[in-house]
Amino acid sequence: MTFILTHTGKRFDLFEPDTEMIDPRDISHSLAHLCRFNGHTREFYSVAQHSCIVAELVPDEHKLAALLHDATEAYLGDMTRPLKQWMPDYRGFEDVVWGRVCERFDLAFDLPACIHQADLIALATERRDLMPTDPAIWDCLVGIEPMVETIRAWPAVEARNTYHQRLMDQLAIKHRRKAA
């Protein structure tokens, strides 16, 4: 068996993913139930909420890509950054799935620098607001200032509904732009 069964009942083939297998409802549901940092936050905090925060930090034309920047995790899970560095084969799977997400939603494969920067700002804020206190320096956050606002973690239902609505809004905007 090389597939996973998604929330909407689709079979997502991990070895031969197809754009028809990718459904915004599945992404919204899954990311809302995936906890950042392998669940080691002080309270439940979802990848969906993280993606919403990243999208708030980028210009309007990049909000759709920001919302979807972690969409592969809906199908592959959220592997921690330190472990991912040691698993090049995983990165290959991630790239294939990301490519299908890009095809499905008409995105460029390479994310703009502003999304990477927003992702780091969100990470710095999450570390401050949601993680246990740790005096160690995280090299990836050197020179990155967290947001002024404090993150209040959303329950999974709120994360799913908010993420899905924002995703649908961005898809509608993109569709209108293409039709104009």
Protein backbone atom coordinates (compact mmCIF):
# COMPACT_ATOMS: atom_id res chain seq x y z
CA MET A 1 0.00 0.00 0.00
CA THR A 2 1.52 3.33 -1.05
CA PHE A 3 -1.39 5.65 -0.32
CA ILE A 4 -2.91 7.43 2.65
CA LEU A 5 -6.64 7.95 3.02
CA THR A 6 -7.41 11.65 3.42
CA HIS A 7 -10.12 13.36 5.45
CA THR A 8 -12.37 13.64 2.38
CA GLY A 9 -11.88 9.98 1.49
CA LYS A 10 -9.38 10.48 -1.31
CA ARG A 11 -6.48 8.06 -1.73
CA PHE A 12 -3.30 10.12 -1.84
CA ASP A 13 -0.56 8.04 -3.47
CA LEU A 14 2.73 8.95 -1.82
CA PHE A 15 4.82 7.54 -4.67
CA GLU A 16 2.74 8.86 -7.57
CA PRO A 17 0.83 11.89 -6.31
CA ASP A 18 -1.54 13.57 -8.71
CA THR A 19 -2.99 17.07 -8.54
CA GLU A 20 -6.51 15.58 -8.49
CA MET A 21 -5.65 14.02 -5.12
CA ILE A 22 -4.98 17.44 -3.56
CA ASP A 23 -8.04 18.99 -1.93
CA PRO A 24 -8.11 22.27 0.03
CA ARG A 25 -10.45 20.66 2.57
CA ASP A 26 -7.91 17.91 3.26
CA ILE A 27 -5.09 20.42 3.64
CA SER A 28 -7.18 22.59 5.98
CA HIS A 29 -8.28 19.67 8.13
CA SER A 30 -4.88 18.01 8.35
CA LEU A 31 -2.84 21.14 9.06
CA ALA A 32 -5.35 22.13 11.76
CA HIS A 33 -4.71 18.81 13.50
CA LEU A 34 -0.92 18.78 13.09
CA CYS A 35 0.89 20.32 16.03
CA ARG A 36 4.01 22.39 15.42
CA PHE A 37 7.27 21.31 17.07
CA ASN A 38 6.13 17.67 17.27
CA GLY A 39 3.66 18.71 19.95
CA HIS A 40 6.26 20.15 22.34
CA THR A 41 4.52 23.50 22.67
CA ARG A 42 3.03 24.52 26.02
CA GLU A 43 -0.42 24.05 24.48
CA PHE A 44 -1.75 22.72 21.18
CA TYR A 45 -0.62 24.94 18.30
CA SER A 46 -1.34 23.90 14.73
CA VAL A 47 0.52 24.15 11.45
CA ALA A 48 -2.67 25.75 10.05
CA GLN A 49 -2.44 28.65 12.51
CA HIS A 50 1.28 28.98 11.82
CA SER A 51 0.51 29.23 8.09
CA CYS A 52 -2.13 31.90 8.73
CA ILE A 53 0.41 33.92 10.70
CA VAL A 54 3.00 33.60 7.92
CA ALA A 55 0.38 34.76 5.40
CA GLU A 56 -0.40 37.83 7.52
CA LEU A 57 3.26 38.86 7.33
CA VAL A 58 3.66 38.88 3.53
CA PRO A 59 2.40 41.20 0.77
CA ASP A 60 -1.03 40.40 -0.68
CA GLU A 61 0.34 38.82 -3.86
CA HIS A 62 2.15 36.15 -1.81
CA LYS A 63 -0.58 35.27 0.71
CA LEU A 64 -1.75 32.16 -1.18
CA ALA A 65 1.77 30.72 -1.36
CA ALA A 66 2.31 31.60 2.31
CA LEU A 67 -0.86 29.77 3.33
CA LEU A 68 0.28 26.73 1.36
CA HIS A 69 4.00 26.81 2.19
CA ASP A 70 3.60 23.82 4.56
CA ALA A 71 0.87 22.05 2.55
CA THR A 72 3.11 19.01 1.99
CA GLU A 73 2.78 18.31 5.71
CA ALA A 74 -0.91 17.53 5.17
CA TYR A 75 0.25 14.45 3.28
CA LEU A 76 3.71 13.70 4.70
CA GLY A 77 3.50 14.95 8.29
CA ASP A 78 5.62 17.61 9.97
CA MET A 79 9.15 16.29 10.37
CA THR A 80 11.35 18.37 12.66
CA ARG A 81 13.98 20.51 10.93
CA PRO A 82 17.00 18.83 12.61
CA LEU A 83 15.86 15.36 11.53
CA LYS A 84 14.89 16.47 8.02
CA GLN A 85 18.51 17.52 7.40
CA TRP A 86 19.59 13.89 7.86
CA MET A 87 16.96 12.43 5.55
CA PRO A 88 17.59 13.50 1.95
CA ASP A 89 15.09 10.94 0.60
CA TYR A 90 12.35 12.61 2.62
CA ARG A 91 13.25 15.94 1.01
CA GLY A 92 12.75 14.26 -2.37
CA PHE A 93 9.23 13.15 -1.42
CA GLU A 94 8.53 16.61 -0.08
CA ASP A 95 9.69 18.22 -3.35
CA VAL A 96 7.47 15.93 -5.45
CA VAL A 97 4.40 16.64 -3.30
CA TRP A 98 5.21 20.37 -3.24
CA GLY A 99 5.44 20.30 -7.04
CA ARG A 100 1.94 18.81 -7.23
CA VAL A 101 0.63 21.42 -4.78
CA CYS A 102 2.17 24.12 -6.99
CA GLU A 103 0.55 22.62 -10.10
CA ARG A 104 -2.82 22.31 -8.35
CA PHE A 105 -2.87 25.92 -7.15
CA ASP A 106 -0.82 27.55 -9.94
CA LEU A 107 2.11 28.56 -7.73
CA ALA A 108 5.80 28.96 -8.53
CA PHE A 109 7.85 26.08 -7.13
CA ASP A 110 10.36 28.41 -5.46
CA LEU A 111 8.87 30.41 -2.62
CA PRO A 112 9.61 34.14 -2.54
CA ALA A 113 12.15 35.34 0.02
CA CYS A 114 9.43 37.24 1.91
CA ILE A 115 7.76 33.92 2.81
CA HIS A 116 11.00 32.47 4.15
CA GLN A 117 11.50 35.65 6.19
CA ALA A 118 7.91 35.57 7.49
CA ASP A 119 8.34 31.90 8.40
CA LEU A 120 11.36 32.83 10.53
CA ILE A 121 9.53 35.74 12.18
CA ALA A 122 6.67 33.36 13.01
CA LEU A 123 9.19 30.84 14.37
CA ALA A 124 10.81 33.48 16.59
CA THR A 125 7.38 34.48 17.91
CA GLU A 126 6.33 30.86 18.45
CA ARG A 127 9.52 30.22 20.36
CA ARG A 128 8.85 33.21 22.62
CA ASP A 129 5.13 32.58 23.15
CA LEU A 130 4.61 28.83 22.91
CA MET A 131 7.80 26.93 23.66
CA PRO A 132 9.40 26.11 27.01
CA THR A 133 12.03 28.64 28.06
CA ASP A 134 15.43 27.77 26.61
CA PRO A 135 18.50 30.00 26.89
CA ALA A 136 20.20 28.42 23.85
CA ILE A 137 20.61 30.46 20.70
CA TRP A 138 18.79 29.07 17.68
CA ASP A 139 21.17 29.82 14.81
CA CYS A 140 18.35 30.18 12.28
CA LEU A 141 16.85 33.00 14.38
CA VAL A 142 19.97 35.15 14.80
CA GLY A 143 18.95 38.66 13.74
CA ILE A 144 15.23 37.77 13.50
CA GLU A 145 12.85 39.81 15.64
CA PRO A 146 9.55 38.23 16.73
CA MET A 147 6.23 39.92 16.07
CA VAL A 148 5.04 42.48 18.60
CA GLU A 149 1.74 40.61 19.02
CA THR A 150 1.50 37.58 21.28
CA ILE A 151 0.26 34.35 19.73
CA ARG A 152 -2.90 32.93 21.28
CA ALA A 153 -3.15 29.31 20.17
CA TRP A 154 -6.39 28.38 18.41
CA PRO A 155 -8.27 25.14 19.03
CA ALA A 156 -8.17 22.75 16.05
CA VAL A 157 -11.71 23.64 14.89
CA GLU A 158 -10.93 27.36 14.84
CA ALA A 159 -7.63 26.69 13.07
CA ARG A 160 -9.34 24.55 10.41
CA ASN A 161 -12.17 27.00 9.79
CA THR A 162 -9.98 30.10 9.74
CA TYR A 163 -7.31 28.51 7.55
CA HIS A 164 -9.89 27.09 5.12
CA GLN A 165 -11.71 30.42 4.80
CA ARG A 166 -8.48 32.32 4.18
CA LEU A 167 -7.36 29.72 1.64
CA MET A 168 -10.69 29.91 -0.21
CA ASP A 169 -10.53 33.73 -0.17
CA GLN A 170 -7.03 33.69 -1.66
CA LEU A 171 -8.00 31.13 -4.30
CA ALA A 172 -10.97 33.33 -5.29
CA ILE A 173 -8.69 36.38 -5.56
CA LYS A 174 -6.20 34.45 -7.70
CA HIS A 175 -9.02 33.18 -9.94
CA ARG A 176 -10.36 36.73 -10.39
CA ARG A 177 -6.85 37.99 -11.26
CA LYS A 178 -6.41 35.27 -13.89
CA ALA A 179 -9.86 35.95 -15.37
CA ALA A 180 -9.26 39.71 -15.66
